Amino acid sequence: MSSLAPYAAPCVRACALRTALLKPHEWEDVAGIDSAPEIVAWFKERGALPDDVSDVASAERAAHQAVIHSSSALLRFAQGALGDLLRCFLRYYDLINLESVIHRIHAMAEGAPAQGLPYDTGPMGMFDDILGDVTNFAALSRFVQGTPFAAAYEAGLQRYYEDEDASRLIESIEVAFFAEWVKAAEHCDFSLKHGTDNSGLAVFLVERIIESAVRLKVHREAEQSRVVEWLSLVTDEKDLDRCLEAISADDEDEAVMALARRLLPKQLLPKAGLPRRSVAKAGALALLRVVVLRRALKAGRGIVFSADFLTSVLVLQIYQALELTLLLESKETGIADIPSAYGEVAA
């Protein structure tokens, strides 16, 4: 990240895209709005949602489409290793589309067909809309062939034919995708395997990997080899053994915090246990999301010609979409105590 030239044009473009991001204090204001339609109207007036959004479902989808639009826009100015890294944000939504089709094909055998794709990844995405009409795994193989998901999909599909476990098939693809994302980040000088750096992207990726590993171990009681697949993405052999020891706890919060202390910079985490703040009531994963948000907000301030700045803007867009989804669903269901990562940062 020493040469500024590759980053100048995309970083200037990222500054323009950043205007649609809400500040933490604005999220506190939005949380006080009574109904989901009023929140959608507020976002539209603020310019954070397009004018044609008409309901909660389309608002949630549009918020994620903004990430796709931004990563596609930045890709037009990026080449080489930086382009590969930014493309991972676009492929993240290709992954979600692929997973939705796998779930649908699996469910069709049980009499629950569905159509379409959750997101339109546009001309820079790997799949076109026809993917949403695929009705069997053999046809899906032809779409996946030649993509970064191909080898993992085929290996997972062979196992699926034996156990019909769609979650294992999806897990294989997710591990392969995040391996590519970690590799792309390391090619842009982010540090993940030998001590995670303080960048927004590195902390974001490590949080996702911790979440996947802990849920496999604690909730699915998966065999250790599956947990190892995830942890190996951000550890070497020596650290892997220590992480496996740390994750031995059966309690999710204990396992998450034990892994976080192994994989994240110590200064980012509370010194002992979970703090007595509101977000901590939702558990350690909610706390880690606050850690990610704080790092991304810090990296996304001002303008710095770096991969950390660029990727942090995209991480913030993902978090804005996730936070909006939680907020709208809380208003729709009447659940008032859903923790807000942005609210925690503002506090």
Protein backbone atom coordinates (compact mmCIF):
# COMPACT_ATOMS: atom_id res chain seq x y z
CA MET A 1 0.00 0.00 0.00
CA SER A 2 3.07 2.26 -0.36
CA SER A 3 2.33 3.59 -3.85
CA LEU A 4 -0.55 6.05 -3.93
CA ALA A 5 -1.17 6.03 -7.70
CA PRO A 6 -3.43 2.93 -7.88
CA TYR A 7 -5.65 4.34 -5.12
CA ALA A 8 -6.12 7.97 -6.15
CA ALA A 9 -9.04 7.64 -8.60
CA PRO A 10 -11.03 4.99 -6.71
CA CYS A 11 -10.56 6.82 -3.40
CA VAL A 12 -11.89 10.08 -4.86
CA ARG A 13 -14.86 8.11 -6.18
CA ALA A 14 -15.35 6.49 -2.76
CA CYS A 15 -15.65 9.93 -1.17
CA ALA A 16 -18.66 10.64 -3.35
CA LEU A 17 -20.23 7.27 -2.51
CA ARG A 18 -19.67 7.89 1.18
CA THR A 19 -22.23 10.71 1.26
CA ALA A 20 -25.07 8.15 1.52
CA LEU A 21 -23.63 6.70 4.75
CA LEU A 22 -25.39 7.74 7.95
CA LYS A 23 -23.43 9.03 10.94
CA PRO A 24 -23.76 7.08 14.22
CA HIS A 25 -25.78 9.91 15.82
CA GLU A 26 -28.23 9.82 12.90
CA TRP A 27 -28.94 6.17 13.65
CA GLU A 28 -30.01 7.18 17.15
CA ASP A 29 -32.49 9.61 15.60
CA VAL A 30 -33.82 6.95 13.20
CA ALA A 31 -34.23 4.40 16.00
CA GLY A 32 -36.70 6.77 17.64
CA ILE A 33 -39.04 6.76 14.63
CA ASP A 34 -42.18 4.78 15.36
CA SER A 35 -42.85 2.76 12.21
CA ALA A 36 -41.00 0.99 9.40
CA PRO A 37 -42.67 3.02 6.60
CA GLU A 38 -41.64 6.26 8.34
CA ILE A 39 -38.05 5.00 8.57
CA VAL A 40 -38.05 4.13 4.87
CA ALA A 41 -39.36 7.63 4.08
CA TRP A 42 -36.62 9.17 6.26
CA PHE A 43 -33.91 7.21 4.43
CA LYS A 44 -35.31 8.26 1.06
CA GLU A 45 -35.36 11.91 2.10
CA ARG A 46 -31.78 11.56 3.37
CA GLY A 47 -30.72 10.12 -0.01
CA ALA A 48 -29.71 6.79 1.50
CA LEU A 49 -32.45 4.89 -0.39
CA PRO A 50 -33.71 5.42 -3.96
CA ASP A 51 -37.07 7.11 -4.54
CA ASP A 52 -38.67 4.01 -6.08
CA VAL A 53 -38.44 2.00 -2.83
CA SER A 54 -42.02 1.33 -1.74
CA ASP A 55 -41.92 -1.14 1.14
CA VAL A 56 -39.74 -2.79 3.76
CA ALA A 57 -38.60 -5.68 1.54
CA SER A 58 -37.53 -3.39 -1.29
CA ALA A 59 -35.78 -1.06 1.19
CA GLU A 60 -33.69 -3.90 2.59
CA ARG A 61 -32.80 -5.09 -0.90
CA ALA A 62 -31.93 -1.57 -2.08
CA ALA A 63 -29.59 -1.05 0.87
CA HIS A 64 -27.57 -4.10 -0.18
CA GLN A 65 -27.78 -3.14 -3.86
CA ALA A 66 -25.95 0.05 -2.85
CA VAL A 67 -22.92 -2.08 -1.91
CA ILE A 68 -23.06 -3.78 -5.30
CA HIS A 69 -23.34 -0.41 -7.07
CA SER A 70 -20.41 1.03 -5.10
CA SER A 71 -18.08 -1.92 -5.59
CA SER A 72 -18.90 -1.96 -9.32
CA ALA A 73 -18.23 1.79 -9.55
CA LEU A 74 -14.89 1.48 -7.76
CA LEU A 75 -13.86 -1.49 -9.91
CA ARG A 76 -13.93 0.75 -12.97
CA PHE A 77 -11.01 2.68 -11.49
CA ALA A 78 -9.06 -0.25 -9.98
CA GLN A 79 -6.72 -2.79 -11.53
CA GLY A 80 -4.48 -5.63 -10.44
CA ALA A 81 -4.49 -6.73 -6.83
CA LEU A 82 -6.72 -3.83 -5.75
CA GLY A 83 -9.28 -4.76 -8.39
CA ASP A 84 -9.25 -8.37 -7.20
CA LEU A 85 -9.89 -7.22 -3.65
CA LEU A 86 -12.76 -4.90 -4.52
CA ARG A 87 -14.29 -7.61 -6.71
CA CYS A 88 -14.69 -9.75 -3.58
CA PHE A 89 -17.35 -7.34 -2.30
CA LEU A 90 -19.30 -7.89 -5.52
CA ARG A 91 -18.78 -11.66 -5.37
CA TYR A 92 -20.08 -11.65 -1.80
CA TYR A 93 -23.50 -11.00 -3.31
CA ASP A 94 -22.88 -13.54 -6.08
CA LEU A 95 -22.32 -15.98 -3.22
CA ILE A 96 -25.63 -15.03 -1.59
CA ASN A 97 -27.40 -15.50 -4.94
CA LEU A 98 -25.79 -18.90 -5.41
CA GLU A 99 -26.75 -19.97 -1.90
CA SER A 100 -30.36 -18.92 -2.48
CA VAL A 101 -30.54 -21.12 -5.59
CA ILE A 102 -29.04 -24.08 -3.71
CA HIS A 103 -31.61 -23.67 -0.94
CA ARG A 104 -34.40 -23.44 -3.51
CA ILE A 105 -33.34 -26.54 -5.46
CA HIS A 106 -32.99 -28.47 -2.21
CA ALA A 107 -36.45 -27.33 -1.10
CA MET A 108 -38.06 -28.14 -4.45
CA ALA A 109 -37.77 -31.84 -3.65
CA GLU A 110 -39.88 -31.05 -0.62
CA GLY A 111 -42.52 -29.19 -2.63
CA ALA A 112 -41.45 -25.57 -2.01
CA PRO A 113 -40.26 -24.04 -5.32
CA ALA A 114 -39.25 -20.40 -5.64
CA GLN A 115 -37.97 -18.12 -8.40
CA GLY A 116 -35.53 -15.28 -8.89
CA LEU A 117 -32.37 -14.02 -7.20
CA PRO A 118 -32.05 -11.81 -4.12
CA TYR A 119 -29.65 -9.36 -5.80
CA ASP A 120 -28.73 -8.07 -9.24
CA THR A 121 -24.93 -8.00 -9.44
CA GLY A 122 -24.99 -6.43 -12.90
CA PRO A 123 -22.52 -6.85 -15.75
CA MET A 124 -19.55 -7.21 -13.39
CA GLY A 125 -21.18 -10.03 -11.46
CA MET A 126 -20.52 -13.69 -12.25
CA PHE A 127 -24.10 -14.75 -12.90
CA ASP A 128 -27.01 -13.34 -14.88
CA ASP A 129 -30.69 -13.46 -14.00
CA ILE A 130 -31.14 -16.85 -15.69
CA LEU A 131 -29.46 -18.40 -12.65
CA GLY A 132 -32.67 -17.76 -10.75
CA ASP A 133 -34.54 -20.15 -13.04
CA VAL A 134 -32.24 -23.15 -12.55
CA THR A 135 -34.18 -26.16 -11.27
CA ASN A 136 -31.53 -28.83 -10.61
CA PHE A 137 -27.96 -29.20 -9.42
CA ALA A 138 -26.65 -30.54 -12.73
CA ALA A 139 -27.77 -27.36 -14.49
CA LEU A 140 -26.35 -25.26 -11.66
CA SER A 141 -22.96 -26.95 -12.18
CA ARG A 142 -22.82 -25.47 -15.67
CA PHE A 143 -23.34 -21.96 -14.29
CA VAL A 144 -20.73 -22.40 -11.59
CA GLN A 145 -18.10 -23.89 -13.90
CA GLY A 146 -15.19 -21.51 -14.43
CA THR A 147 -15.97 -19.41 -11.35
CA PRO A 148 -14.02 -19.32 -8.05
CA PHE A 149 -16.84 -21.40 -6.54
CA ALA A 150 -16.47 -24.31 -9.01
CA ALA A 151 -14.12 -26.71 -7.20
CA ALA A 152 -15.78 -26.25 -3.81
CA TYR A 153 -19.23 -26.62 -5.35
CA GLU A 154 -18.40 -29.87 -7.12
CA ALA A 155 -16.75 -31.37 -4.04
CA GLY A 156 -19.66 -30.29 -1.85
CA LEU A 157 -22.18 -31.58 -4.39
CA GLN A 158 -20.70 -35.08 -4.30
CA ARG A 159 -21.15 -35.10 -0.54
CA TYR A 160 -24.66 -33.67 -0.90
CA TYR A 161 -25.68 -36.61 -3.09
CA GLU A 162 -24.72 -38.86 -0.16
CA ASP A 163 -26.23 -36.97 2.80
CA GLU A 164 -28.59 -34.38 1.20
CA ASP A 165 -27.27 -31.78 3.65
CA ALA A 166 -27.57 -28.45 1.82
CA SER A 167 -25.88 -26.59 4.69
CA ARG A 168 -22.68 -28.62 4.17
CA LEU A 169 -22.71 -27.82 0.45
CA ILE A 170 -23.10 -24.12 1.17
CA GLU A 171 -20.45 -24.27 3.87
CA SER A 172 -17.92 -25.66 1.36
CA ILE A 173 -18.57 -22.77 -1.00
CA GLU A 174 -18.39 -20.17 1.76
CA VAL A 175 -15.02 -21.43 3.01
CA ALA A 176 -13.63 -21.31 -0.53
CA PHE A 177 -14.96 -17.80 -1.07
CA PHE A 178 -13.56 -16.39 2.16
CA ALA A 179 -10.22 -18.05 1.39
CA GLU A 180 -10.14 -16.05 -1.84
CA TRP A 181 -11.12 -12.87 0.03
CA VAL A 182 -8.37 -13.35 2.61
CA LYS A 183 -5.83 -14.03 -0.14
CA ALA A 184 -6.89 -10.91 -2.05
CA ALA A 185 -6.58 -8.84 1.14
CA GLU A 186 -3.10 -10.18 1.83
CA HIS A 187 -2.03 -9.30 -1.73
CA CYS A 188 -2.95 -5.70 -0.86
CA ASP A 189 -0.77 -5.88 2.28
CA PHE A 190 -3.50 -6.44 4.84
CA SER A 191 -2.32 -8.64 7.69
CA LEU A 192 -4.56 -11.52 8.78
CA LYS A 193 -2.55 -14.69 9.39
CA HIS A 194 0.35 -13.47 11.50
CA GLY A 195 -1.48 -11.07 13.76
CA THR A 196 -4.51 -9.20 12.47
CA ASP A 197 -3.83 -5.55 11.75
CA ASN A 198 -6.13 -2.72 12.83
CA SER A 199 -7.72 -2.24 9.41
CA GLY A 200 -11.48 -2.28 9.04
CA LEU A 201 -11.38 -5.03 6.41
CA ALA A 202 -9.10 -7.38 8.37
CA VAL A 203 -11.21 -7.07 11.51
CA PHE A 204 -14.39 -7.54 9.41
CA LEU A 205 -13.08 -10.75 7.82
CA VAL A 206 -11.81 -12.18 11.10
CA GLU A 207 -15.17 -11.47 12.77
CA ARG A 208 -16.98 -13.37 10.01
CA ILE A 209 -14.60 -16.32 10.34
CA ILE A 210 -14.93 -16.39 14.13
CA GLU A 211 -18.71 -16.37 13.80
CA SER A 212 -18.69 -19.26 11.31
CA ALA A 213 -16.25 -21.37 13.34
CA VAL A 214 -18.08 -20.87 16.65
CA ARG A 215 -21.50 -21.65 15.22
CA LEU A 216 -20.16 -24.87 13.71
CA LYS A 217 -18.55 -25.91 16.99
CA VAL A 218 -21.15 -24.77 19.52
CA HIS A 219 -24.48 -25.00 17.69
CA ARG A 220 -23.96 -27.73 15.09
CA GLU A 221 -21.44 -29.78 17.07
CA ALA A 222 -19.54 -30.25 13.82
CA GLU A 223 -16.45 -32.41 13.56
CA GLN A 224 -13.20 -30.57 14.24
CA SER A 225 -12.03 -30.75 10.62
CA ARG A 226 -14.84 -28.39 9.56
CA VAL A 227 -13.92 -25.88 12.24
CA VAL A 228 -10.26 -26.17 11.19
CA GLU A 229 -11.19 -25.24 7.60
CA TRP A 230 -12.45 -21.86 8.80
CA LEU A 231 -9.76 -21.11 11.35
CA SER A 232 -6.97 -22.06 8.94
CA LEU A 233 -7.91 -19.07 6.81
CA VAL A 234 -6.47 -16.69 9.43
CA THR A 235 -4.03 -18.83 11.44
CA ASP A 236 -0.81 -20.74 10.92
CA GLU A 237 -0.30 -24.25 12.33
CA LYS A 238 0.93 -23.09 15.73
CA ASP A 239 -1.86 -20.57 16.24
CA LEU A 240 -4.45 -23.06 14.98
CA ASP A 241 -3.80 -25.43 17.89
CA ARG A 242 -4.19 -22.57 20.34
CA CYS A 243 -7.42 -21.45 18.68
CA LEU A 244 -8.86 -24.96 18.83
CA GLU A 245 -8.05 -25.05 22.52
CA ALA A 246 -9.67 -21.65 22.99
CA ILE A 247 -12.85 -22.71 21.21
CA SER A 248 -13.33 -25.77 23.42
CA ALA A 249 -15.96 -23.92 25.50
CA ASP A 250 -19.57 -24.95 24.88
CA ASP A 251 -20.85 -21.42 25.59
CA GLU A 252 -21.02 -19.21 22.48
CA ASP A 253 -19.94 -16.01 24.21
CA GLU A 254 -16.95 -17.67 25.86
CA ALA A 255 -15.86 -19.28 22.61
CA VAL A 256 -16.24 -16.05 20.62
CA MET A 257 -14.26 -13.96 23.10
CA ALA A 258 -11.56 -16.61 23.47
CA LEU A 259 -11.05 -16.68 19.70
CA ALA A 260 -11.23 -12.89 19.44
CA ARG A 261 -8.42 -12.53 21.97
CA ARG A 262 -6.33 -14.92 19.89
CA LEU A 263 -7.02 -13.38 16.50
CA LEU A 264 -7.73 -9.67 17.00
CA PRO A 265 -5.51 -6.88 18.38
CA LYS A 266 -5.91 -6.88 22.14
CA GLN A 267 -6.45 -3.12 22.34
CA LEU A 268 -9.71 -3.47 20.40
CA LEU A 269 -11.34 -5.74 22.98
CA PRO A 270 -12.57 -5.30 26.56
CA LYS A 271 -9.95 -6.41 29.08
CA ALA A 272 -12.17 -8.91 30.88
CA GLY A 273 -15.49 -10.51 29.96
CA LEU A 274 -18.37 -8.73 28.28
CA PRO A 275 -18.99 -5.10 29.27
CA ARG A 276 -22.28 -4.21 30.93
CA ARG A 277 -23.46 -2.13 28.00
CA SER A 278 -26.70 -2.71 26.14
CA VAL A 279 -25.11 -4.32 23.07
CA ALA A 280 -23.32 -6.85 25.26
CA LYS A 281 -26.69 -8.26 26.34
CA ALA A 282 -27.01 -9.66 22.83
CA GLY A 283 -23.74 -11.52 23.25
CA ALA A 284 -20.13 -11.49 22.15
CA LEU A 285 -20.87 -11.52 18.41
CA ALA A 286 -22.81 -8.27 18.75
CA LEU A 287 -19.83 -6.80 20.59
CA LEU A 288 -17.44 -7.88 17.81
CA ARG A 289 -19.65 -6.16 15.25
CA VAL A 290 -19.24 -2.95 17.22
CA VAL A 291 -15.46 -3.47 17.10
CA VAL A 292 -15.63 -3.88 13.30
CA LEU A 293 -17.81 -0.80 12.94
CA ARG A 294 -15.48 1.35 15.01
CA ARG A 295 -12.45 0.32 12.96
CA ALA A 296 -14.24 0.89 9.65
CA LEU A 297 -15.53 4.29 10.76
CA LYS A 298 -12.05 5.35 11.78
CA ALA A 299 -10.48 4.17 8.51
CA GLY A 300 -13.25 5.77 6.45
CA ARG A 301 -12.76 9.30 7.81
CA GLY A 302 -11.30 12.05 5.68
CA ILE A 303 -9.62 10.75 2.55
CA VAL A 304 -6.56 8.52 2.54
CA PHE A 305 -5.27 6.97 -0.64
CA SER A 306 -5.19 3.39 0.60
CA ALA A 307 -6.91 0.03 0.31
CA ASP A 308 -7.95 0.36 3.96
CA PHE A 309 -9.93 3.52 3.19
CA LEU A 310 -11.60 2.03 0.11
CA THR A 311 -12.60 -1.25 1.69
CA SER A 312 -13.76 0.41 4.91
CA VAL A 313 -16.27 2.49 2.95
CA LEU A 314 -17.69 -0.74 1.49
CA VAL A 315 -17.70 -2.45 4.90
CA LEU A 316 -19.66 0.51 6.25
CA GLN A 317 -22.19 0.16 3.44
CA ILE A 318 -22.66 -3.52 4.31
CA TYR A 319 -23.16 -2.61 7.96
CA GLN A 320 -25.62 0.13 7.06
CA ALA A 321 -27.66 -2.40 5.06
CA LEU A 322 -27.57 -4.94 7.91
CA GLU A 323 -28.45 -2.33 10.53
CA LEU A 324 -31.35 -1.04 8.44
CA THR A 325 -32.68 -4.59 8.05
CA LEU A 326 -32.57 -5.16 11.82
CA LEU A 327 -34.21 -1.81 12.52
CA LEU A 328 -37.05 -2.31 10.03
CA GLU A 329 -37.71 -5.84 11.23
CA SER A 330 -37.76 -4.68 14.85
CA LYS A 331 -40.42 -2.07 13.99
CA GLU A 332 -42.43 -4.62 11.99
CA THR A 333 -42.40 -7.19 14.81
CA GLY A 334 -42.65 -4.76 17.70
CA ILE A 335 -39.41 -5.96 19.30
CA ALA A 336 -37.85 -2.91 20.91
CA ASP A 337 -34.65 -4.21 22.53
CA ILE A 338 -32.65 -5.20 19.42
CA PRO A 339 -29.09 -3.91 20.01
CA SER A 340 -27.69 -1.33 17.60
CA ALA A 341 -24.01 -1.34 16.72
CA TYR A 342 -24.27 2.26 15.53
CA GLY A 343 -26.12 3.22 18.70
CA GLU A 344 -23.32 1.71 20.76
CA VAL A 345 -20.69 3.66 18.82
CA ALA A 346 -22.68 6.90 19.19
CA ALA A 347 -22.97 6.32 22.94
